[in-house]
């Protein structure tokens, strides 16, 4: 699909919207530090220190993608001890009444937290278990540095639970039914805490989706979602050619991405990119090493070359320039505007294969600079821990839809390379683009954001074929796990995002935290 000619906007720092938790989390301090030491200024992109740039160009830059920020979890046991009184009700529901029982429960929680830490597939920092019996002690804990408060609501007054909550922090309430001594709040968390003894919900910061009964797996997927959301909020991304959005509906997409997600969009003008490509191609040592890497890539099992080898060599040089730009920006995310026209005469190849290579290396690299869909790609990448595939959808019919684009990653499961044919970019019949043969039978998550980011649609799919239609090179026919007719009615925006695996519940949970509505067609 041809790029959308869209207005280029200047770079922006993190927004002040209440939906953007980046500043509250303190994460922007690290990125601001990277800005101060890199080649980016808050007013936009500059070439920075020439000596540092030339030193970076003297070798292949292999700065790894930025380490993910650990999700800081504060577990808290809320309880109260009781003493027998004659001829009166002296204890509420629940199985923790004595200090001995509380001690045993702390040991049980410790074992569960150790298992949670061991099995988490995302960075997780678990702070020491705290215990509270009073609102005053709870208020002190609320002022801590945690991202998420995990409340083990065994007993105690409602005022204690309320005092634990703090603006800008996420909360999960855990209650026991059969996994240990039954908790008081298993009975009353809904009517007494969420609804305040009336019919309407009245507790800011906690909803029904935040309550977990017994299951450690239920805690874990919620934390996975929040970890992905933490890394998404305030994310810096380099926009070569400036940020844009597909179609008339996407004209405000960059501003919406800044406002809702706090994205820090740094513009690199094409004039700067052209200078960098020219210098890189004049560096014979760098060019030689890129050619060697390209030849090793083409020599891999499962890779076939069906375009000019020179296009592939140039693609590896362009990928190296992209890595340098992201490293200088202190980020691992990049997108290209007008990539079907502007970049070809400059690079003498296309951006398709370079973006694929970066995604396989753990970066986030998107074509078209479409900030309608890019936030969904960042969020899904961090939730899944895998590369994601930005694609053009077609029309759903007979429970199947075709998704296609020319920049698909090969390492879609995060570790194993899929087979690929290296062809030209379809519309231009120029350059190098991978046709990735994605795994048939693979379950995938499909996300469709609307233009205004008021409501996203999602469904689970299954890859049933890799056709060779006269369309963008990487193509998958997807079996829709849901109502095909409803999908046709509800489609919004344009570009979609795909990852291997099923992450619909994590996506829904994260979206709820930033106020985006959600429609799951596979529910």
Protein backbone atom coordinates (compact mmCIF):
# COMPACT_ATOMS: atom_id res chain seq x y z
CA UNK A 1 0.00 0.00 0.00
CA UNK A 2 1.41 3.37 -0.94
CA UNK A 3 2.50 5.62 1.88
CA UNK A 4 0.13 8.30 3.01
CA UNK A 5 1.40 11.82 2.29
CA UNK A 6 1.01 13.38 5.70
CA UNK A 7 2.15 16.48 7.48
CA UNK A 8 5.52 16.07 9.17
CA UNK A 9 5.57 17.17 12.77
CA UNK A 10 8.43 18.13 15.01
CA UNK A 11 9.67 16.06 17.89
CA UNK A 12 8.01 16.17 21.28
CA UNK A 13 8.86 15.32 24.84
CA UNK A 14 6.60 13.31 27.13
CA UNK A 15 3.12 14.75 27.42
CA UNK A 16 1.53 16.07 30.58
CA UNK A 17 -1.69 14.08 30.09
CA UNK A 18 -2.93 12.18 33.13
CA UNK A 19 -3.10 9.11 30.89
CA UNK A 20 0.69 9.18 30.51
CA UNK A 21 2.20 7.46 33.53
CA UNK A 22 5.75 7.75 32.21
CA UNK A 23 6.62 10.74 34.33
CA UNK A 24 4.90 9.29 37.39
CA UNK A 25 6.93 6.13 36.96
CA UNK A 26 10.14 8.10 36.81
CA UNK A 27 11.18 6.40 33.59
CA UNK A 28 11.70 9.57 31.60
CA UNK A 29 14.67 10.54 33.76
CA UNK A 30 16.64 7.71 32.18
CA UNK A 31 15.62 8.70 28.68
CA UNK A 32 16.32 12.37 29.36
CA UNK A 33 19.78 11.30 30.48
CA UNK A 34 20.26 9.43 27.23
CA UNK A 35 19.14 12.54 25.36
CA UNK A 36 21.65 14.73 27.17
CA UNK A 37 24.50 12.36 26.34
CA UNK A 38 23.39 11.52 22.79
CA UNK A 39 22.97 13.48 19.61
CA UNK A 40 19.37 14.51 20.18
CA UNK A 41 18.27 17.83 21.55
CA UNK A 42 14.82 18.50 22.93
CA UNK A 43 14.07 20.77 19.99
CA UNK A 44 14.74 18.01 17.44
CA UNK A 45 17.43 15.81 15.94
CA UNK A 46 20.94 17.10 15.31
CA UNK A 47 24.05 15.39 14.01
CA UNK A 48 25.71 15.74 17.39
CA UNK A 49 29.40 15.42 18.00
CA UNK A 50 31.07 14.75 14.65
CA UNK A 51 33.94 12.78 16.14
CA UNK A 52 31.54 10.49 17.98
CA UNK A 53 29.50 9.97 14.81
CA UNK A 54 32.58 9.15 12.76
CA UNK A 55 33.82 6.76 15.44
CA UNK A 56 30.45 4.98 15.38
CA UNK A 57 30.59 4.72 11.61
CA UNK A 58 34.08 3.22 11.67
CA UNK A 59 32.67 -0.11 12.77
CA UNK A 60 29.36 -1.91 12.59
CA UNK A 61 27.35 -0.60 15.52
CA UNK A 62 25.95 -3.46 17.50
CA UNK A 63 24.47 -1.57 20.41
CA UNK A 64 21.84 -4.00 21.71
CA UNK A 65 18.23 -2.91 22.05
CA UNK A 66 17.56 -1.04 25.27
CA UNK A 67 17.07 -3.22 28.33
CA UNK A 68 13.46 -3.33 29.42
CA UNK A 69 12.50 -1.55 32.61
CA UNK A 70 11.68 -3.95 35.45
CA UNK A 71 8.15 -3.84 36.78
CA UNK A 72 8.42 -3.06 40.49
CA UNK A 73 5.91 -5.07 42.51
CA UNK A 74 5.09 -4.36 46.14
CA UNK A 75 3.23 -7.26 47.80
CA UNK A 76 1.28 -6.38 50.94
CA UNK A 77 -0.56 -8.66 53.35
CA UNK A 78 -3.56 -6.94 54.92
CA UNK A 79 -4.87 -8.66 58.03
CA UNK A 80 -6.14 -8.22 61.57
CA UNK A 81 -5.88 -10.52 64.58
CA UNK A 82 -8.90 -11.24 66.77
CA UNK A 83 -9.56 -12.40 70.31
CA UNK A 84 -12.46 -14.48 71.52
CA UNK A 85 -15.26 -12.65 73.33
CA UNK A 86 -18.00 -14.37 75.25
CA UNK A 87 -21.54 -14.43 73.85
CA UNK A 88 -20.93 -12.07 70.91
CA UNK A 89 -19.65 -12.08 67.34
CA UNK A 90 -15.94 -11.58 67.73
CA UNK A 91 -14.50 -12.55 64.37
CA UNK A 92 -15.41 -11.89 60.69
CA UNK A 93 -15.13 -14.39 57.86
CA UNK A 94 -11.61 -15.56 57.11
CA UNK A 95 -8.90 -17.98 58.13
CA UNK A 96 -6.23 -15.68 59.58
CA UNK A 97 -6.88 -14.86 63.23
CA UNK A 98 -3.65 -15.48 65.14
CA UNK A 99 -0.06 -14.36 64.68
CA UNK A 100 0.93 -17.97 64.07
CA UNK A 101 -1.52 -18.21 61.19
CA UNK A 102 -0.26 -14.89 59.82
CA UNK A 103 3.33 -16.15 59.94
CA UNK A 104 2.34 -19.30 58.05
CA UNK A 105 0.57 -17.18 55.45
CA UNK A 106 3.64 -15.01 54.94
CA UNK A 107 5.68 -18.15 54.23
CA UNK A 108 3.02 -19.33 51.76
CA UNK A 109 3.02 -15.96 49.99
CA UNK A 110 6.82 -15.99 49.87
CA UNK A 111 6.82 -19.35 48.09
CA UNK A 112 4.27 -18.11 45.57
CA UNK A 113 6.23 -14.92 44.90
CA UNK A 114 9.43 -16.89 44.37
CA UNK A 115 7.64 -19.05 41.80
CA UNK A 116 6.19 -15.96 40.15
CA UNK A 117 9.64 -14.39 39.83
CA UNK A 118 11.10 -17.61 38.40
CA UNK A 119 8.43 -18.12 35.75
CA UNK A 120 7.88 -14.50 34.67
CA UNK A 121 8.78 -13.94 31.00
CA UNK A 122 9.16 -10.21 31.58
CA UNK A 123 11.48 -8.20 33.86
CA UNK A 124 10.03 -8.25 37.36
CA UNK A 125 11.41 -6.82 40.59
CA UNK A 126 9.55 -8.06 43.66
CA UNK A 127 10.02 -5.93 46.74
CA UNK A 128 9.99 -7.48 50.23
CA UNK A 129 6.55 -8.52 51.47
CA UNK A 130 5.02 -5.87 53.69
CA UNK A 131 2.16 -6.37 56.14
CA UNK A 132 -0.26 -3.78 57.44
CA UNK A 133 -3.04 -3.63 59.99
CA UNK A 134 -3.70 0.13 60.08
CA UNK A 135 -4.47 2.93 57.61
CA UNK A 136 -1.39 4.83 58.81
CA UNK A 137 0.99 1.99 57.95
CA UNK A 138 -0.81 1.52 54.64
CA UNK A 139 -0.39 5.19 53.71
CA UNK A 140 3.37 4.90 54.22
CA UNK A 141 3.57 1.93 51.84
CA UNK A 142 1.51 3.81 49.25
CA UNK A 143 4.28 6.41 49.02
CA UNK A 144 6.83 3.78 47.91
CA UNK A 145 8.51 3.43 44.52
CA UNK A 146 6.43 0.49 43.32
CA UNK A 147 4.67 0.36 39.95
CA UNK A 148 2.14 -2.22 41.10
CA UNK A 149 0.64 -2.91 44.51
CA UNK A 150 -0.35 -6.55 45.00
CA UNK A 151 -2.78 -6.64 47.91
CA UNK A 152 -3.24 -9.93 49.74
CA UNK A 153 -6.58 -8.91 51.24
CA UNK A 154 -6.90 -11.45 54.04
CA UNK A 155 -8.75 -9.19 56.44
CA UNK A 156 -8.78 -5.77 58.01
CA UNK A 157 -10.83 -2.65 57.52
CA UNK A 158 -11.75 -1.09 54.20
CA UNK A 159 -9.87 2.04 55.25
CA UNK A 160 -6.63 0.06 55.16
CA UNK A 161 -7.18 -1.04 51.55
CA UNK A 162 -8.13 2.49 50.53
CA UNK A 163 -5.04 3.97 52.19
CA UNK A 164 -2.77 1.66 50.17
CA UNK A 165 -3.88 3.17 46.86
CA UNK A 166 -1.90 5.98 45.26
CA UNK A 167 -2.45 7.97 42.04
CA UNK A 168 -0.29 6.89 39.12
CA UNK A 169 0.17 3.34 40.43
CA UNK A 170 -1.53 0.12 39.44
CA UNK A 171 -3.22 -2.26 41.85
CA UNK A 172 -4.11 -5.95 41.94
CA UNK A 173 -6.22 -7.47 44.71
CA UNK A 174 -5.64 -11.15 45.54
CA UNK A 175 -8.08 -13.16 47.65
CA UNK A 176 -8.07 -16.83 48.61
CA UNK A 177 -10.89 -19.28 48.18
CA UNK A 178 -9.20 -22.70 48.18
CA UNK A 179 -5.48 -21.93 47.71
CA UNK A 180 -4.98 -21.42 51.44
CA UNK A 181 -6.92 -19.99 54.40
CA UNK A 182 -10.00 -18.27 53.00
CA UNK A 183 -9.78 -14.46 52.99
CA UNK A 184 -12.41 -12.11 54.37
CA UNK A 185 -12.31 -10.02 51.23
CA UNK A 186 -13.23 -13.04 49.11
CA UNK A 187 -16.71 -12.29 50.46
CA UNK A 188 -16.84 -8.50 50.47
CA UNK A 189 -14.35 -7.11 47.94
CA UNK A 190 -17.12 -6.42 45.44
CA UNK A 191 -19.92 -4.92 47.58
CA UNK A 192 -17.77 -3.29 50.24
CA UNK A 193 -14.60 -2.16 48.45
CA UNK A 194 -15.45 -1.76 44.76
CA UNK A 195 -19.02 -0.52 45.32
CA UNK A 196 -18.78 1.08 48.77
CA UNK A 197 -22.03 -0.67 49.87
CA UNK A 198 -24.08 0.85 47.02
CA UNK A 199 -24.81 -0.39 43.50
CA UNK A 200 -22.43 1.92 41.63
CA UNK A 201 -18.68 1.37 41.44
CA UNK A 202 -16.82 3.91 43.51
CA UNK A 203 -13.17 2.91 43.99
CA UNK A 204 -10.70 4.79 41.78
CA UNK A 205 -7.71 2.76 40.70
CA UNK A 206 -9.28 -0.68 41.12
CA UNK A 207 -11.93 -2.45 39.04
CA UNK A 208 -13.37 -5.91 38.74
CA UNK A 209 -10.60 -6.75 36.26
CA UNK A 210 -8.03 -6.20 39.03
CA UNK A 211 -9.38 -8.85 41.41
CA UNK A 212 -7.81 -12.33 41.33
CA UNK A 213 -9.06 -15.39 43.20
CA UNK A 214 -6.51 -18.13 44.03
CA UNK A 215 -4.70 -18.29 40.66
CA UNK A 216 -1.04 -17.33 40.37
CA UNK A 217 -1.34 -17.54 36.58
CA UNK A 218 -4.03 -14.85 36.72
CA UNK A 219 -1.67 -12.58 38.64
CA UNK A 220 1.13 -13.25 36.18
CA UNK A 221 -0.67 -12.32 32.97
CA UNK A 222 -1.88 -9.07 34.54
CA UNK A 223 1.67 -8.21 35.51
CA UNK A 224 2.81 -9.11 31.98
CA UNK A 225 0.30 -6.60 30.62
CA UNK A 226 1.41 -3.89 33.05
CA UNK A 227 5.07 -4.54 32.28
CA UNK A 228 4.33 -4.05 28.59
CA UNK A 229 2.38 -0.90 29.33
CA UNK A 230 5.16 0.53 31.51
CA UNK A 231 7.68 0.11 28.67
CA UNK A 232 5.26 1.62 26.14
CA UNK A 233 4.40 4.79 28.03
CA UNK A 234 6.89 7.52 27.21
CA UNK A 235 8.71 5.41 24.63
CA UNK A 236 11.12 7.31 22.41
CA UNK A 237 10.97 6.55 18.68
CA UNK A 238 12.98 7.98 15.78
CA UNK A 239 10.77 9.08 12.87
CA UNK A 240 12.79 9.37 9.66
CA UNK A 241 10.97 11.89 7.48
CA UNK A 242 8.76 12.86 10.41
CA UNK A 243 5.67 11.31 12.02
CA UNK A 244 2.44 10.79 10.13
CA UNK A 245 -0.79 8.85 10.06
CA UNK A 246 -2.58 6.96 7.30
CA UNK A 247 -5.50 8.68 5.54
CA UNK A 248 -7.57 11.64 6.58
CA UNK A 249 -8.48 9.87 9.79
CA UNK A 250 -4.82 9.63 10.77
CA UNK A 251 -3.90 13.29 10.44
CA UNK A 252 -3.95 13.80 14.21
CA UNK A 253 -2.37 10.44 15.00
CA UNK A 254 1.09 11.74 16.03
CA UNK A 255 -0.46 14.22 18.44
CA UNK A 256 -2.77 11.56 19.81
CA UNK A 257 0.18 9.19 20.29
CA UNK A 258 1.99 11.85 22.28
CA UNK A 259 -1.07 12.70 24.33
CA UNK A 260 -2.31 9.20 25.13
CA UNK A 261 0.90 7.18 25.21
CA UNK A 262 3.43 9.91 25.93
CA UNK A 263 5.47 8.84 22.88
CA UNK A 264 8.64 10.89 22.49
CA UNK A 265 8.83 11.22 18.69
CA UNK A 266 12.19 12.43 17.40
CA UNK A 267 12.25 13.55 13.77
CA UNK A 268 15.24 12.82 11.53
CA UNK A 269 14.90 14.82 8.28
CA UNK A 270 15.64 12.98 5.06
CA UNK A 271 18.48 15.42 4.39
CA UNK A 272 20.21 14.10 7.51
CA UNK A 273 19.54 10.50 6.51
CA UNK A 274 20.96 11.18 3.04
CA UNK A 275 24.17 12.59 4.50
CA UNK A 276 24.52 9.60 6.80
CA UNK A 277 23.97 7.07 3.99
CA UNK A 278 26.47 8.87 1.77
CA UNK A 279 29.14 8.83 4.48
CA UNK A 280 28.43 5.19 5.30
CA UNK A 281 28.79 4.16 1.67
CA UNK A 282 32.08 6.04 1.44
CA UNK A 283 33.43 4.04 4.38
CA UNK A 284 34.93 1.08 2.54
CA UNK A 285 35.55 -0.88 5.72
CA UNK A 286 31.93 -0.56 6.82
CA UNK A 287 30.67 -1.39 3.33
CA UNK A 288 32.87 -4.48 3.19
CA UNK A 289 31.64 -5.73 6.56
CA UNK A 290 28.02 -5.10 5.58
CA UNK A 291 28.54 -7.07 2.37
CA UNK A 292 30.02 -9.94 4.35
CA UNK A 293 27.05 -9.93 6.72
CA UNK A 294 24.64 -9.79 3.80
CA UNK A 295 26.32 -12.75 2.13
CA UNK A 296 26.17 -14.76 5.37
CA UNK A 297 22.47 -13.88 5.65
CA UNK A 298 21.80 -15.04 2.11
CA UNK A 299 23.75 -18.21 2.79
CA UNK A 300 21.48 -19.24 5.66
CA UNK A 301 19.38 -22.35 5.24
CA UNK A 302 15.87 -21.41 4.20
CA UNK A 303 16.83 -18.11 2.50
CA UNK A 304 16.63 -17.72 -1.28
CA UNK A 305 17.67 -14.66 -3.30
CA UNK A 306 15.32 -13.51 -6.08
CA UNK A 307 16.48 -9.93 -6.53
CA UNK A 308 19.83 -8.24 -7.14
CA UNK A 309 22.49 -9.08 -4.55
CA UNK A 310 23.52 -5.41 -4.69
CA UNK A 311 20.12 -4.39 -3.34
CA UNK A 312 20.72 -6.70 -0.36
CA UNK A 313 24.23 -5.33 0.21
CA UNK A 314 22.82 -1.78 0.21
CA UNK A 315 20.05 -2.90 2.57
CA UNK A 316 22.60 -4.01 5.15
CA UNK A 317 24.33 -0.62 4.92
CA UNK A 318 20.97 1.11 5.39
CA UNK A 319 20.20 -1.11 8.38
CA UNK A 320 23.52 -0.05 9.89
CA UNK A 321 22.62 3.62 9.45
CA UNK A 322 19.27 2.99 11.13
CA UNK A 323 21.02 1.33 14.08
CA UNK A 324 23.31 4.34 14.45
CA UNK A 325 20.35 6.72 14.46
CA UNK A 326 18.55 4.78 17.15
CA UNK A 327 21.71 4.42 19.25
CA UNK A 328 22.33 8.16 19.14
CA UNK A 329 18.71 8.77 20.10
CA UNK A 330 18.98 6.46 23.11
CA UNK A 331 16.23 4.18 21.86
CA UNK A 332 15.59 0.99 19.93
CA UNK A 333 12.53 2.11 17.95
CA UNK A 334 12.43 3.65 14.48
CA UNK A 335 9.89 4.32 11.74
CA UNK A 336 10.23 5.51 8.15
CA UNK A 337 7.90 7.97 6.40
CA UNK A 338 7.45 7.97 2.62
CA UNK A 339 9.61 4.87 2.49
CA UNK A 340 8.41 3.87 -0.98
CA UNK A 341 9.57 7.04 -2.72
CA UNK A 342 12.01 9.21 -0.83
CA UNK A 343 14.39 6.59 0.49
CA UNK A 344 14.98 4.64 -2.73
CA UNK A 345 17.09 7.21 -4.63
CA UNK A 346 19.10 7.91 -1.47
CA UNK A 347 19.87 4.33 -0.44
CA UNK A 348 19.61 2.56 -3.82
CA UNK A 349 17.48 -0.09 -2.15
CA UNK A 350 14.27 -0.16 -0.12
CA UNK A 351 13.71 0.01 3.63
CA UNK A 352 11.85 -3.32 3.67
CA UNK A 353 14.72 -5.70 4.41
CA UNK A 354 16.53 -3.29 6.80
CA UNK A 355 13.37 -2.96 8.92
CA UNK A 356 12.96 -6.74 8.92
CA UNK A 357 16.58 -7.17 10.06
CA UNK A 358 16.14 -4.68 12.89
CA UNK A 359 12.98 -6.39 14.11
CA UNK A 360 14.78 -9.73 14.13
CA UNK A 361 17.49 -8.11 16.25
CA UNK A 362 15.07 -7.04 18.97
CA UNK A 363 14.42 -3.49 17.76
CA UNK A 364 11.02 -2.06 16.85
CA UNK A 365 11.17 -0.95 13.23
CA UNK A 366 8.04 0.14 11.38
CA UNK A 367 7.39 1.33 7.85
CA UNK A 368 5.09 4.19 6.85
CA UNK A 369 5.41 6.18 10.09
CA UNK A 370 1.74 5.52 10.77
CA UNK A 371 1.15 6.57 14.37
CA UNK A 372 -2.38 5.25 14.24
CA UNK A 373 -0.98 1.73 14.52
CA UNK A 374 2.57 2.19 15.87
CA UNK A 375 1.46 2.44 19.54
CA UNK A 376 -0.21 -0.96 19.17
CA UNK A 377 3.03 -2.36 17.77
CA UNK A 378 5.07 -1.05 20.68
CA UNK A 379 2.57 -2.34 23.25
CA UNK A 380 2.21 -5.77 21.61
CA UNK A 381 5.99 -6.11 21.26
CA UNK A 382 6.50 -5.48 24.95
CA UNK A 383 3.59 -7.65 26.09
CA UNK A 384 4.56 -10.59 23.90
CA UNK A 385 8.33 -10.21 24.07
CA UNK A 386 8.40 -10.96 20.32
CA UNK A 387 8.77 -9.07 17.04
CA UNK A 388 5.54 -7.78 15.55
CA UNK A 389 4.30 -7.51 11.98
CA UNK A 390 2.70 -4.26 10.77
CA UNK A 391 0.41 -5.20 7.89
CA UNK A 392 -2.29 -4.19 5.47
CA UNK A 393 -5.58 -6.05 6.00
CA UNK A 394 -7.95 -7.08 3.21
CA UNK A 395 -11.66 -7.94 3.28
CA UNK A 396 -12.77 -10.75 5.61
CA UNK A 397 -14.73 -13.52 3.93
CA UNK A 398 -15.58 -17.16 4.70
CA UNK A 399 -13.78 -16.79 8.06
CA UNK A 400 -10.46 -15.89 6.38
CA UNK A 401 -8.60 -12.62 5.86
CA UNK A 402 -5.29 -11.95 4.08
CA UNK A 403 -2.70 -9.76 5.83
CA UNK A 404 0.35 -8.55 3.92
CA UNK A 405 3.31 -6.16 3.93
CA UNK A 406 6.92 -6.10 2.80
CA UNK A 407 8.70 -5.66 6.16
CA UNK A 408 7.85 -8.81 8.10
CA UNK A 409 10.35 -10.09 10.68
CA UNK A 410 11.66 -13.63 10.16
CA UNK A 411 12.08 -14.30 13.89
CA UNK A 412 8.37 -14.05 14.67
CA UNK A 413 8.53 -16.34 17.69
CA UNK A 414 11.46 -14.39 19.11
CA UNK A 415 14.06 -17.13 18.58
CA UNK A 416 13.66 -19.19 15.40
CA UNK A 417 14.07 -17.84 11.86
CA UNK A 418 11.27 -18.59 9.41
CA UNK A 419 12.18 -19.36 5.80
CA UNK A 420 12.19 -16.37 3.49
CA UNK A 421 12.50 -15.48 -0.19
CA UNK A 422 14.27 -12.16 -0.75
CA UNK A 423 12.38 -10.42 -3.55
CA UNK A 424 11.90 -6.87 -4.74
CA UNK A 425 9.49 -4.56 -2.99
CA UNK A 426 6.23 -5.31 -4.80
CA UNK A 427 4.86 -1.90 -5.89
CA UNK A 428 8.20 -0.59 -7.11
CA UNK A 429 9.69 -3.94 -8.21
CA UNK A 430 12.91 -2.53 -6.76
CA UNK A 431 15.16 -3.15 -3.80
CA UNK A 432 14.99 -6.05 -1.35
CA UNK A 433 11.99 -7.27 0.62
CA UNK A 434 11.51 -10.55 2.50
CA UNK A 435 8.64 -12.89 1.76
CA UNK A 436 8.53 -14.61 5.14
CA UNK A 437 6.92 -18.04 5.23
CA UNK A 438 5.15 -17.84 8.58
CA UNK A 439 4.27 -21.07 10.36
CA UNK A 440 1.00 -22.65 9.28
CA UNK A 441 -1.16 -23.52 12.28
CA UNK A 442 0.40 -20.74 14.36
CA UNK A 443 -2.00 -18.91 16.68
CA UNK A 444 -1.62 -15.14 16.39
CA UNK A 445 -2.89 -11.98 18.03
CA UNK A 446 -4.37 -9.45 15.60
CA UNK A 447 -4.92 -5.81 16.65
CA UNK A 448 -6.85 -3.15 14.72
CA UNK A 449 -6.63 0.34 16.31
CA UNK A 450 -9.12 2.99 15.25
CA UNK A 451 -7.92 6.35 13.95
CA UNK A 452 -8.65 8.27 17.16
CA UNK A 453 -7.42 5.49 19.51
CA UNK A 454 -10.76 5.53 21.29
CA UNK A 455 -11.38 1.82 20.64
CA UNK A 456 -9.20 -1.01 19.48
CA UNK A 457 -10.45 -4.25 17.98
CA UNK A 458 -8.69 -7.56 18.41
CA UNK A 459 -9.13 -11.22 17.63
CA UNK A 460 -7.26 -14.49 17.72
CA UNK A 461 -6.30 -15.94 14.37
CA UNK A 462 -4.60 -18.99 12.93
CA UNK A 463 -2.20 -18.83 9.98
CA UNK A 464 -3.52 -21.22 7.33
CA UNK A 465 -1.45 -20.27 4.27
CA UNK A 466 1.40 -18.17 2.85
CA UNK A 467 0.02 -17.28 -0.59
CA UNK A 468 1.94 -15.64 -3.44
CA UNK A 469 -0.57 -13.06 -4.60
CA UNK A 470 0.34 -9.93 -6.53
CA UNK A 471 0.45 -7.87 -3.35
CA UNK A 472 3.01 -7.00 -0.65
CA UNK A 473 5.55 -9.79 -0.33
CA UNK A 474 4.98 -11.26 3.15
CA UNK A 475 1.44 -12.64 3.03
CA UNK A 476 -0.59 -14.75 5.43
CA UNK A 477 -4.11 -16.06 5.09
CA UNK A 478 -5.55 -16.02 8.60
CA UNK A 479 -8.45 -18.07 9.91
CA UNK A 480 -10.56 -15.70 12.04
CA UNK A 481 -11.36 -17.09 15.49
CA UNK A 482 -14.55 -15.11 15.79
CA UNK A 483 -17.50 -13.82 13.80
CA UNK A 484 -16.35 -12.93 10.29
CA UNK A 485 -19.35 -10.73 9.50
CA UNK A 486 -18.94 -8.82 12.75
CA UNK A 487 -15.30 -8.17 11.86
CA UNK A 488 -16.33 -6.65 8.53
CA UNK A 489 -18.78 -4.38 10.36
CA UNK A 490 -16.39 -3.31 13.11
CA UNK A 491 -13.10 -2.73 11.23
CA UNK A 492 -11.62 0.72 11.88
CA UNK A 493 -8.44 2.61 10.92
CA UNK A 494 -6.30 0.89 8.33
CA UNK A 495 -3.04 -0.82 9.30
CA UNK A 496 -3.11 -3.79 11.70
CA UNK A 497 -0.56 -5.38 13.99
CA UNK A 498 0.21 -9.10 14.47
CA UNK A 499 2.29 -11.18 16.86
CA UNK A 500 2.68 -14.90 17.38
CA UNK A 501 0.75 -16.16 20.42
CA UNK A 502 -2.48 -15.12 22.13
CA UNK A 503 -2.17 -11.84 24.06
CA UNK A 504 -5.72 -10.54 23.80
CA UNK A 505 -6.43 -10.48 27.55
CA UNK A 506 -3.16 -8.68 28.30
CA UNK A 507 -3.91 -6.10 25.61
CA UNK A 508 -7.41 -5.52 26.93
CA UNK A 509 -6.11 -5.11 30.49
CA UNK A 510 -3.44 -2.60 29.43
CA UNK A 511 -5.88 -0.59 27.33
CA UNK A 512 -8.26 -0.28 30.26
CA UNK A 513 -5.51 1.48 32.21
CA UNK A 514 -5.18 4.24 29.60
CA UNK A 515 -8.89 4.60 28.89
CA UNK A 516 -9.08 2.94 25.46
CA UNK A 517 -12.17 0.83 24.78
CA UNK A 518 -11.72 -2.71 23.53
CA UNK A 519 -13.67 -5.13 21.37
CA UNK A 520 -12.54 -8.76 21.44
CA UNK A 521 -14.11 -10.59 18.52
CA UNK A 522 -12.79 -13.93 19.82
CA UNK A 523 -14.53 -13.65 23.19
